[in-house]
Protein backbone atom coordinates (compact mmCIF):
# COMPACT_ATOMS: atom_id res chain seq x y z
CA UNK A 1 99.80 86.35 89.79
CA UNK A 2 98.23 83.42 91.62
CA UNK A 3 95.90 81.34 89.48
CA UNK A 4 92.95 81.76 91.89
CA UNK A 5 93.21 85.54 91.53
CA UNK A 6 92.83 85.23 87.77
CA UNK A 7 89.95 82.75 87.80
CA UNK A 8 86.77 84.45 86.62
CA UNK A 9 83.44 84.25 88.39
CA UNK A 10 81.12 84.57 85.36
CA UNK A 11 83.03 83.85 82.18
CA UNK A 12 81.34 83.67 78.80
CA UNK A 13 82.45 84.09 75.20
CA UNK A 14 82.83 87.86 75.19
CA UNK A 15 83.08 88.82 78.84
CA UNK A 16 85.53 87.46 81.36
CA UNK A 17 83.51 88.67 84.34
CA UNK A 18 85.11 89.50 87.67
CA UNK A 19 87.62 87.43 89.54
CA UNK A 20 86.41 84.83 92.03
CA UNK A 21 88.23 86.79 94.75
CA UNK A 22 86.37 89.98 93.88
CA UNK A 23 83.07 88.11 93.67
CA UNK A 24 83.58 86.52 97.09
CA UNK A 25 84.59 89.91 98.54
CA UNK A 26 81.46 91.55 97.10
CA UNK A 27 79.24 88.89 98.63
CA UNK A 28 81.03 89.11 101.99
CA UNK A 29 80.70 92.89 102.03
CA UNK A 30 77.03 92.64 101.09
CA UNK A 31 76.45 90.39 104.08
CA UNK A 32 78.38 92.65 106.41
CA UNK A 33 76.54 95.77 105.29
CA UNK A 34 73.17 94.09 105.82
CA UNK A 35 74.03 93.52 109.49
CA UNK A 36 73.01 96.66 111.36
CA UNK A 37 74.95 95.69 114.48
CA UNK A 38 78.15 95.25 112.50
CA UNK A 39 77.78 98.57 110.71
CA UNK A 40 77.80 100.35 114.07
CA UNK A 41 81.06 98.62 115.08
CA UNK A 42 82.94 99.05 111.81
CA UNK A 43 82.85 102.67 110.80
CA UNK A 44 85.40 102.79 108.00
CA UNK A 45 84.86 101.86 104.37
CA UNK A 46 88.48 100.75 104.25
CA UNK A 47 87.89 98.40 107.17
CA UNK A 48 84.87 96.84 105.45
CA UNK A 49 86.91 96.31 102.28
CA UNK A 50 89.87 94.80 104.15
CA UNK A 51 87.63 92.39 106.06
CA UNK A 52 85.73 91.45 102.89
CA UNK A 53 88.95 90.58 101.07
CA UNK A 54 90.28 88.62 104.05
CA UNK A 55 87.04 86.63 103.99
CA UNK A 56 87.35 86.16 100.22
CA UNK A 57 90.89 84.87 100.62
CA UNK A 58 89.68 82.43 103.28
CA UNK A 59 86.96 81.20 100.92
CA UNK A 60 89.53 80.64 98.17
CA UNK A 61 91.72 78.67 100.57
CA UNK A 62 88.71 76.57 101.58
CA UNK A 63 88.05 75.75 97.92
CA UNK A 64 91.55 74.33 97.66
CA UNK A 65 91.07 71.97 100.62
């Protein structure tokens, strides 16, 4: 598994949190769902998830640059 997929967003002593990729996807999806115009264009939960993870992957690539 790629290292960036294993990196945790909120690690502490007893809890490893969620992956950075999942965290970025959650935040991307939150932004998309708050946009009323976008929610009328994208009408599939699967589409929202796919776009959110594509955005998360782009954010991870940007962190490497």
